[in-house]
């Protein structure tokens, strides 16, 4: 039996040209590393455009939307800790 920490599926829903998305991505890169989460451009899928509209950035953990714009660095740190 190993004591591995549980892995979480973290997703950043974003769109090109979104300065808030850029800010959150920089924070997530620093907190988790750029390869530790998935980035999804909502504009590549009509269903995602309908779901997220102008709420981006949205951070989901294990398929649950947990934070959306506007979010603070403290909120993001608390979620990802």
N, C-alpha and C. Protein backbone atom coordinates (compact mmCIF):
# COMPACT_ATOMS: atom_id res chain seq x y z
N UNK A 1 0.83 -1.17 0.00
CA UNK A 1 0.00 0.00 0.00
C UNK A 1 0.89 1.25 0.00
N UNK A 2 0.61 2.18 -0.89
CA UNK A 2 1.41 3.39 -0.98
C UNK A 2 0.59 4.57 -0.47
N UNK A 3 1.31 5.58 0.02
CA UNK A 3 0.66 6.78 0.52
C UNK A 3 0.80 7.91 -0.49
N UNK A 4 0.41 7.66 -1.71
CA UNK A 4 0.46 8.68 -2.74
C UNK A 4 -0.66 9.69 -2.52
N UNK A 5 -0.36 10.99 -2.71
CA UNK A 5 -1.43 11.97 -2.59
C UNK A 5 -2.43 11.77 -3.74
N UNK A 6 -3.68 12.03 -3.45
CA UNK A 6 -4.71 11.90 -4.48
C UNK A 6 -4.45 12.94 -5.57
N UNK A 7 -4.57 12.51 -6.80
CA UNK A 7 -4.40 13.45 -7.89
C UNK A 7 -5.74 14.08 -8.21
N UNK A 8 -5.68 15.34 -8.60
CA UNK A 8 -6.88 16.07 -8.96
C UNK A 8 -6.81 16.43 -10.43
N UNK A 9 -7.95 16.45 -11.05
CA UNK A 9 -8.06 16.87 -12.44
C UNK A 9 -8.41 18.36 -12.43
N UNK A 10 -7.43 19.20 -12.78
CA UNK A 10 -7.62 20.65 -12.75
C UNK A 10 -7.66 21.16 -14.19
N UNK A 11 -8.69 21.96 -14.49
CA UNK A 11 -8.87 22.50 -15.83
C UNK A 11 -9.08 24.01 -15.74
N UNK A 12 -8.39 24.74 -16.62
CA UNK A 12 -8.60 26.17 -16.78
C UNK A 12 -9.34 26.39 -18.08
N UNK A 13 -10.58 26.86 -17.98
CA UNK A 13 -11.35 27.24 -19.16
C UNK A 13 -11.06 28.70 -19.44
N UNK A 14 -10.62 28.98 -20.67
CA UNK A 14 -10.15 30.31 -21.02
C UNK A 14 -10.49 30.62 -22.46
N UNK A 15 -10.11 31.83 -22.89
CA UNK A 15 -10.24 32.18 -24.30
C UNK A 15 -9.09 33.12 -24.67
N UNK A 16 -8.77 33.12 -25.94
CA UNK A 16 -7.70 33.96 -26.46
C UNK A 16 -8.08 35.43 -26.30
N UNK A 17 -7.10 36.25 -25.94
CA UNK A 17 -7.34 37.68 -25.81
C UNK A 17 -7.98 38.10 -24.50
N UNK A 18 -8.08 37.17 -23.57
CA UNK A 18 -8.71 37.45 -22.27
C UNK A 18 -7.60 37.75 -21.26
N UNK A 19 -7.48 39.02 -20.84
CA UNK A 19 -6.40 39.36 -19.92
C UNK A 19 -6.57 38.72 -18.54
N UNK A 20 -7.80 38.52 -18.10
CA UNK A 20 -8.01 37.83 -16.83
C UNK A 20 -7.56 36.37 -16.92
N UNK A 21 -7.82 35.75 -18.07
CA UNK A 21 -7.37 34.37 -18.30
C UNK A 21 -5.85 34.30 -18.25
N UNK A 22 -5.19 35.27 -18.88
CA UNK A 22 -3.73 35.31 -18.87
C UNK A 22 -3.19 35.42 -17.45
N UNK A 23 -3.82 36.27 -16.65
CA UNK A 23 -3.36 36.46 -15.27
C UNK A 23 -3.52 35.17 -14.45
N UNK A 24 -4.65 34.50 -14.60
CA UNK A 24 -4.89 33.26 -13.86
C UNK A 24 -3.93 32.17 -14.34
N UNK A 25 -3.68 32.10 -15.65
CA UNK A 25 -2.75 31.10 -16.18
C UNK A 25 -1.35 31.29 -15.60
N UNK A 26 -0.88 32.53 -15.50
CA UNK A 26 0.44 32.81 -14.93
C UNK A 26 0.49 32.34 -13.48
N UNK A 27 -0.56 32.62 -12.71
CA UNK A 27 -0.61 32.18 -11.32
C UNK A 27 -0.62 30.66 -11.22
N UNK A 28 -1.42 30.01 -12.05
CA UNK A 28 -1.51 28.55 -12.01
C UNK A 28 -0.19 27.91 -12.43
N UNK A 29 0.49 28.50 -13.41
CA UNK A 29 1.80 27.99 -13.82
C UNK A 29 2.77 28.04 -12.64
N UNK A 30 2.72 29.15 -11.88
CA UNK A 30 3.63 29.31 -10.74
C UNK A 30 3.26 28.35 -9.60
N UNK A 31 1.96 28.14 -9.39
CA UNK A 31 1.50 27.30 -8.28
C UNK A 31 1.62 25.81 -8.56
N UNK A 32 1.26 25.41 -9.77
CA UNK A 32 1.17 23.99 -10.11
C UNK A 32 2.22 23.51 -11.10
N UNK A 33 2.67 24.44 -11.95
CA UNK A 33 3.51 24.07 -13.08
C UNK A 33 2.64 24.01 -14.32
N UNK A 34 3.18 24.41 -15.47
CA UNK A 34 2.36 24.50 -16.69
C UNK A 34 1.82 23.17 -17.22
N UNK A 35 2.40 22.07 -16.79
CA UNK A 35 1.94 20.77 -17.28
C UNK A 35 1.04 20.03 -16.28
N UNK A 36 0.70 20.69 -15.17
CA UNK A 36 -0.06 20.02 -14.12
C UNK A 36 -1.57 20.24 -14.23
N UNK A 37 -1.99 20.97 -15.23
CA UNK A 37 -3.41 21.21 -15.43
C UNK A 37 -3.70 21.32 -16.92
N UNK A 38 -4.95 21.18 -17.27
CA UNK A 38 -5.37 21.25 -18.67
C UNK A 38 -5.91 22.64 -18.97
N UNK A 39 -5.57 23.14 -20.14
CA UNK A 39 -6.12 24.42 -20.60
C UNK A 39 -7.09 24.13 -21.73
N UNK A 40 -8.28 24.74 -21.64
CA UNK A 40 -9.30 24.52 -22.66
C UNK A 40 -9.78 25.88 -23.16
N UNK A 41 -9.65 26.10 -24.46
CA UNK A 41 -10.15 27.33 -25.09
C UNK A 41 -11.64 27.13 -25.36
N UNK A 42 -12.49 27.87 -24.66
CA UNK A 42 -13.94 27.68 -24.78
C UNK A 42 -14.45 28.01 -26.18
N UNK A 43 -13.71 28.82 -26.91
CA UNK A 43 -14.17 29.22 -28.25
C UNK A 43 -13.99 28.13 -29.30
N UNK A 44 -13.42 26.99 -28.92
CA UNK A 44 -13.23 25.90 -29.87
C UNK A 44 -14.43 24.95 -29.90
N UNK A 45 -15.41 25.19 -29.04
CA UNK A 45 -16.56 24.28 -28.93
C UNK A 45 -17.81 25.09 -28.60
N UNK A 46 -18.81 24.99 -29.47
CA UNK A 46 -20.05 25.77 -29.27
C UNK A 46 -20.71 25.48 -27.92
N UNK A 47 -20.64 24.24 -27.47
CA UNK A 47 -21.25 23.90 -26.18
C UNK A 47 -20.53 24.62 -25.03
N UNK A 48 -19.21 24.74 -25.14
CA UNK A 48 -18.46 25.45 -24.10
C UNK A 48 -18.74 26.95 -24.15
N UNK A 49 -18.91 27.50 -25.35
CA UNK A 49 -19.27 28.92 -25.47
C UNK A 49 -20.60 29.16 -24.77
N UNK A 50 -21.57 28.28 -24.99
CA UNK A 50 -22.87 28.42 -24.34
C UNK A 50 -22.75 28.25 -22.82
N UNK A 51 -21.94 27.30 -22.40
CA UNK A 51 -21.80 27.02 -20.96
C UNK A 51 -21.09 28.13 -20.21
N UNK A 52 -20.00 28.65 -20.81
CA UNK A 52 -19.17 29.61 -20.09
C UNK A 52 -19.36 31.06 -20.52
N UNK A 53 -19.81 31.29 -21.73
CA UNK A 53 -20.05 32.67 -22.17
C UNK A 53 -18.91 33.60 -21.82
N UNK A 54 -19.24 34.61 -21.02
CA UNK A 54 -18.23 35.60 -20.62
C UNK A 54 -17.75 35.37 -19.19
N UNK A 55 -17.98 34.17 -18.63
CA UNK A 55 -17.57 33.88 -17.25
C UNK A 55 -16.09 33.53 -17.13
N UNK A 56 -15.39 33.37 -18.22
CA UNK A 56 -14.00 32.93 -18.17
C UNK A 56 -13.12 34.02 -17.56
N UNK A 57 -12.06 33.61 -16.90
CA UNK A 57 -11.60 32.25 -16.70
C UNK A 57 -12.42 31.51 -15.66
N UNK A 58 -12.50 30.20 -15.85
CA UNK A 58 -13.15 29.31 -14.89
C UNK A 58 -12.16 28.20 -14.56
N UNK A 59 -12.00 27.92 -13.27
CA UNK A 59 -11.14 26.83 -12.84
C UNK A 59 -12.04 25.72 -12.32
N UNK A 60 -11.88 24.54 -12.91
CA UNK A 60 -12.65 23.37 -12.49
C UNK A 60 -11.69 22.36 -11.85
N UNK A 61 -12.17 21.71 -10.81
CA UNK A 61 -11.41 20.65 -10.14
C UNK A 61 -12.30 19.42 -10.11
N UNK A 62 -11.78 18.34 -10.67
CA UNK A 62 -12.53 17.07 -10.72
C UNK A 62 -13.93 17.27 -11.31
N UNK A 63 -13.97 17.98 -12.44
CA UNK A 63 -15.20 18.21 -13.21
C UNK A 63 -16.23 19.09 -12.53
N UNK A 64 -15.82 19.84 -11.51
CA UNK A 64 -16.72 20.77 -10.84
C UNK A 64 -16.16 22.18 -10.99
N UNK A 65 -16.94 23.08 -11.56
CA UNK A 65 -16.51 24.48 -11.68
C UNK A 65 -16.42 25.06 -10.28
N UNK A 66 -15.21 25.49 -9.89
CA UNK A 66 -15.00 25.95 -8.52
C UNK A 66 -14.80 27.45 -8.41
N UNK A 67 -14.13 28.06 -9.39
CA UNK A 67 -13.91 29.50 -9.38
C UNK A 67 -14.16 30.05 -10.77
N UNK A 68 -14.68 31.28 -10.81
CA UNK A 68 -14.84 31.96 -12.09
C UNK A 68 -14.50 33.43 -11.90
N UNK A 69 -14.31 34.11 -13.02
CA UNK A 69 -13.95 35.53 -12.98
C UNK A 69 -15.05 36.33 -12.32
N UNK A 70 -14.69 37.31 -11.52
CA UNK A 70 -13.32 37.61 -11.09
C UNK A 70 -12.94 36.75 -9.90
N UNK A 71 -11.68 36.34 -9.86
CA UNK A 71 -11.19 35.55 -8.73
C UNK A 71 -9.91 36.17 -8.21
N UNK A 72 -9.68 36.03 -6.94
CA UNK A 72 -8.47 36.60 -6.35
C UNK A 72 -7.36 35.55 -6.31
N UNK A 73 -6.15 36.03 -6.16
CA UNK A 73 -5.02 35.12 -6.02
C UNK A 73 -5.19 34.26 -4.77
N UNK A 74 -5.70 34.85 -3.69
CA UNK A 74 -5.91 34.11 -2.45
C UNK A 74 -6.93 32.98 -2.65
N UNK A 75 -8.01 33.25 -3.37
CA UNK A 75 -9.01 32.22 -3.64
C UNK A 75 -8.40 31.07 -4.44
N UNK A 76 -7.60 31.44 -5.44
CA UNK A 76 -6.97 30.43 -6.29
C UNK A 76 -5.98 29.59 -5.47
N UNK A 77 -5.19 30.25 -4.64
CA UNK A 77 -4.22 29.52 -3.79
C UNK A 77 -4.94 28.57 -2.84
N UNK A 78 -6.03 29.03 -2.25
CA UNK A 78 -6.80 28.19 -1.33
C UNK A 78 -7.37 26.97 -2.04
N UNK A 79 -7.88 27.16 -3.23
CA UNK A 79 -8.45 26.05 -4.00
C UNK A 79 -7.40 25.03 -4.39
N UNK A 80 -6.24 25.51 -4.81
CA UNK A 80 -5.22 24.61 -5.36
C UNK A 80 -4.25 24.07 -4.32
N UNK A 81 -4.37 24.52 -3.07
CA UNK A 81 -3.45 24.07 -2.02
C UNK A 81 -3.62 22.59 -1.72
